[in-house]
Amino acid sequence: MPHHDQAPLKSARTMNRAFKPKDEGFEKRIRASFARQEIMKTVNASILSIEPGEVVLEFPYQTSLTQQHGFIHAGIVSTVLDSACGYAAFSLMPKGASVLSIEFKINLLSPANGKLFRAVGTVRKPGRNITVTEGEVFGDGDGGEKLLATMVCTIMTVYDREDV
């Protein structure tokens, strides 16, 4: 518990407001990159919002994405959340740079059930070569929105690629 004279800790979302993009055209670059991801088309994912250090994606329930019990497959949840985290990191990259995930850990907290799913990627620690992000997936269950999965994702900056 902080002493009465200490400022309260900032949440990840509050901290993101301090991130300054290195490229003013970051949103356009993210949208163009996202449009090239065929897997996002396959799962019918779309971008809900883009801010420096945070990207929110959503995708609908589709039986073609389920496992044997009718829940969205963990691989699909991981895929969309990995993209949200990657684009959160990409939002802080300079022109001429791109990103690749090099590691992630996901915690599947509840079966992915619902009609619509929202994946939030948030930068925790930006860096020149390595950026650490966190992600959360929410589903719109019967009782309202429910946290389904969390992720910690390490992103590598890639420079001087032709497709950037």
Protein backbone atom coordinates (compact mmCIF):
# COMPACT_ATOMS: atom_id res chain seq x y z
CA MET A 1 0.00 0.00 0.00
CA PRO A 2 1.54 3.37 -0.96
CA HIS A 3 2.15 5.97 1.70
CA HIS A 4 -0.29 8.86 1.68
CA ASP A 5 2.31 11.12 0.07
CA GLN A 6 3.08 8.74 -2.82
CA ALA A 7 1.29 8.98 -6.15
CA PRO A 8 -0.79 5.91 -7.03
CA LEU A 9 0.65 3.54 -9.62
CA LYS A 10 -0.50 4.22 -13.16
CA SER A 11 -2.39 1.55 -15.06
CA ALA A 12 -1.06 0.30 -18.39
CA ARG A 13 -3.79 2.19 -20.20
CA THR A 14 -2.95 5.47 -18.41
CA MET A 15 0.74 4.97 -19.09
CA ASN A 16 0.07 4.53 -22.83
CA ARG A 17 -1.18 8.07 -23.09
CA ALA A 18 2.44 9.15 -22.62
CA PHE A 19 3.70 7.18 -25.65
CA LYS A 20 4.68 9.35 -28.58
CA PRO A 21 4.77 7.73 -32.00
CA LYS A 22 8.03 8.04 -33.94
CA ASP A 23 6.06 8.15 -37.20
CA GLU A 24 3.02 10.41 -37.45
CA GLY A 25 1.67 8.08 -40.15
CA PHE A 26 1.61 5.09 -37.79
CA GLU A 27 -2.14 4.54 -38.07
CA LYS A 28 -2.07 4.41 -41.86
CA ARG A 29 0.91 2.02 -41.75
CA ILE A 30 -0.91 -0.28 -39.30
CA ARG A 31 -4.07 -0.34 -41.42
CA ALA A 32 -2.07 -1.14 -44.57
CA SER A 33 -0.15 -3.92 -42.82
CA PHE A 34 -3.31 -5.35 -41.27
CA ALA A 35 -4.95 -5.44 -44.71
CA ARG A 36 -2.08 -7.68 -45.92
CA GLN A 37 -2.64 -10.29 -43.19
CA GLU A 38 -4.64 -13.03 -44.86
CA ILE A 39 -5.21 -14.80 -41.53
CA MET A 40 -7.05 -11.75 -40.20
CA LYS A 41 -9.34 -11.95 -43.25
CA THR A 42 -9.86 -15.66 -42.58
CA VAL A 43 -11.07 -14.99 -39.01
CA ASN A 44 -12.98 -11.84 -40.09
CA ALA A 45 -10.98 -9.70 -37.66
CA SER A 46 -11.17 -5.93 -37.87
CA ILE A 47 -9.49 -2.99 -36.20
CA LEU A 48 -11.58 -1.25 -33.54
CA SER A 49 -9.03 1.35 -32.47
CA ILE A 50 -5.41 2.41 -32.88
CA GLU A 51 -3.56 4.63 -30.43
CA PRO A 52 0.16 4.99 -29.72
CA GLY A 53 0.99 1.87 -27.73
CA GLU A 54 -2.44 0.24 -27.95
CA VAL A 55 -4.40 -1.56 -30.67
CA VAL A 56 -7.82 -3.17 -30.29
CA LEU A 57 -9.07 -5.83 -32.71
CA GLU A 58 -12.35 -7.72 -32.81
CA PHE A 59 -13.66 -10.83 -34.48
CA PRO A 60 -17.02 -12.62 -34.52
CA TYR A 61 -17.87 -16.15 -33.45
CA GLN A 62 -17.74 -18.52 -36.41
CA THR A 63 -18.24 -22.27 -36.24
CA SER A 64 -15.33 -22.70 -38.66
CA LEU A 65 -13.00 -21.37 -35.91
CA THR A 66 -14.15 -23.69 -33.12
CA GLN A 67 -12.72 -26.74 -31.47
CA GLN A 68 -14.68 -29.91 -30.66
CA HIS A 69 -16.74 -28.32 -27.84
CA GLY A 70 -17.88 -25.34 -29.90
CA PHE A 71 -15.52 -22.79 -28.30
CA ILE A 72 -13.21 -20.63 -30.40
CA HIS A 73 -9.98 -22.61 -30.72
CA ALA A 74 -7.08 -21.50 -28.52
CA GLY A 75 -4.93 -21.13 -31.64
CA ILE A 76 -7.34 -18.54 -33.04
CA VAL A 77 -7.44 -16.64 -29.74
CA SER A 78 -3.63 -16.68 -29.69
CA THR A 79 -3.36 -15.57 -33.31
CA VAL A 80 -5.60 -12.53 -32.96
CA LEU A 81 -4.09 -11.52 -29.64
CA ASP A 82 -0.56 -11.87 -31.06
CA SER A 83 -1.57 -9.49 -33.87
CA ALA A 84 -3.07 -6.96 -31.44
CA CYS A 85 0.17 -7.01 -29.41
CA GLY A 86 2.33 -6.78 -32.53
CA TYR A 87 0.42 -3.80 -33.87
CA ALA A 88 0.58 -2.08 -30.48
CA ALA A 89 4.38 -2.34 -30.74
CA PHE A 90 4.31 -1.33 -34.42
CA SER A 91 2.47 1.88 -33.48
CA LEU A 92 5.65 3.12 -31.80
CA MET A 93 8.10 2.12 -34.58
CA PRO A 94 9.93 4.62 -36.77
CA LYS A 95 9.43 4.74 -40.55
CA GLY A 96 11.24 1.88 -42.23
CA ALA A 97 10.81 -0.46 -39.27
CA SER A 98 8.46 -3.36 -38.78
CA VAL A 99 7.90 -6.00 -36.10
CA LEU A 100 7.98 -9.75 -35.56
CA SER A 101 6.87 -11.67 -32.49
CA ILE A 102 9.71 -13.68 -31.01
CA GLU A 103 8.01 -15.09 -27.92
CA PHE A 104 4.66 -15.13 -26.19
CA LYS A 105 2.94 -16.79 -23.30
CA ILE A 106 -0.82 -17.02 -23.17
CA ASN A 107 -3.08 -17.84 -20.25
CA LEU A 108 -6.45 -19.21 -21.32
CA LEU A 109 -8.67 -18.21 -18.42
CA SER A 110 -12.08 -19.28 -19.70
CA PRO A 111 -13.51 -21.02 -22.77
CA ALA A 112 -13.82 -18.59 -25.69
CA ASN A 113 -17.57 -18.47 -25.92
CA GLY A 114 -19.69 -15.56 -27.10
CA LYS A 115 -20.81 -13.77 -30.24
CA LEU A 116 -18.01 -11.20 -30.48
CA PHE A 117 -14.45 -11.16 -29.20
CA ARG A 118 -12.20 -8.16 -28.51
CA ALA A 119 -8.39 -8.40 -28.37
CA VAL A 120 -6.47 -5.53 -26.75
CA GLY A 121 -2.71 -5.24 -27.27
CA THR A 122 -0.83 -2.80 -25.03
CA VAL A 123 2.84 -1.83 -24.95
CA ARG A 124 4.37 -2.27 -21.51
CA LYS A 125 8.01 -1.45 -22.35
CA PRO A 126 9.00 -0.06 -25.75
CA GLY A 127 12.55 -0.44 -27.00
CA ARG A 128 14.71 0.12 -30.06
CA ASN A 129 15.14 -3.62 -30.72
CA ILE A 130 12.79 -5.39 -28.29
CA THR A 131 9.34 -4.29 -27.11
CA VAL A 132 7.32 -6.07 -24.44
CA THR A 133 3.55 -6.03 -24.78
CA GLU A 134 0.57 -7.43 -22.90
CA GLY A 135 -2.74 -8.50 -24.31
CA GLU A 136 -6.22 -9.45 -23.22
CA VAL A 137 -9.11 -11.12 -25.03
CA PHE A 138 -12.67 -10.48 -23.93
CA GLY A 139 -15.86 -12.23 -25.00
CA ASP A 140 -19.42 -10.94 -24.82
CA GLY A 141 -20.99 -13.75 -22.83
CA ASP A 142 -24.49 -13.90 -21.35
CA GLY A 143 -23.39 -12.08 -18.20
CA GLY A 144 -21.66 -9.26 -20.11
CA GLU A 145 -18.05 -8.93 -21.15
CA LYS A 146 -15.72 -11.58 -19.74
CA LEU A 147 -11.91 -11.81 -19.72
CA LEU A 148 -10.99 -14.99 -21.60
CA ALA A 149 -7.22 -14.84 -22.09
CA THR A 150 -4.12 -12.83 -21.24
CA MET A 151 -0.78 -12.72 -23.06
CA VAL A 152 2.72 -11.39 -22.60
CA CYS A 153 4.40 -10.97 -25.98
CA THR A 154 7.97 -10.03 -26.86
CA ILE A 155 8.30 -8.20 -30.16
CA MET A 156 11.48 -7.73 -32.19
CA THR A 157 11.98 -4.63 -34.33
CA VAL A 158 12.88 -5.41 -37.91
CA TYR A 159 14.65 -2.77 -40.01
CA ASP A 160 15.09 -2.30 -43.76
CA ARG A 161 12.61 -4.85 -45.11
CA GLU A 162 11.15 -4.25 -48.55
CA ASP A 163 7.57 -4.98 -47.42
CA VAL A 164 7.52 -2.34 -44.67
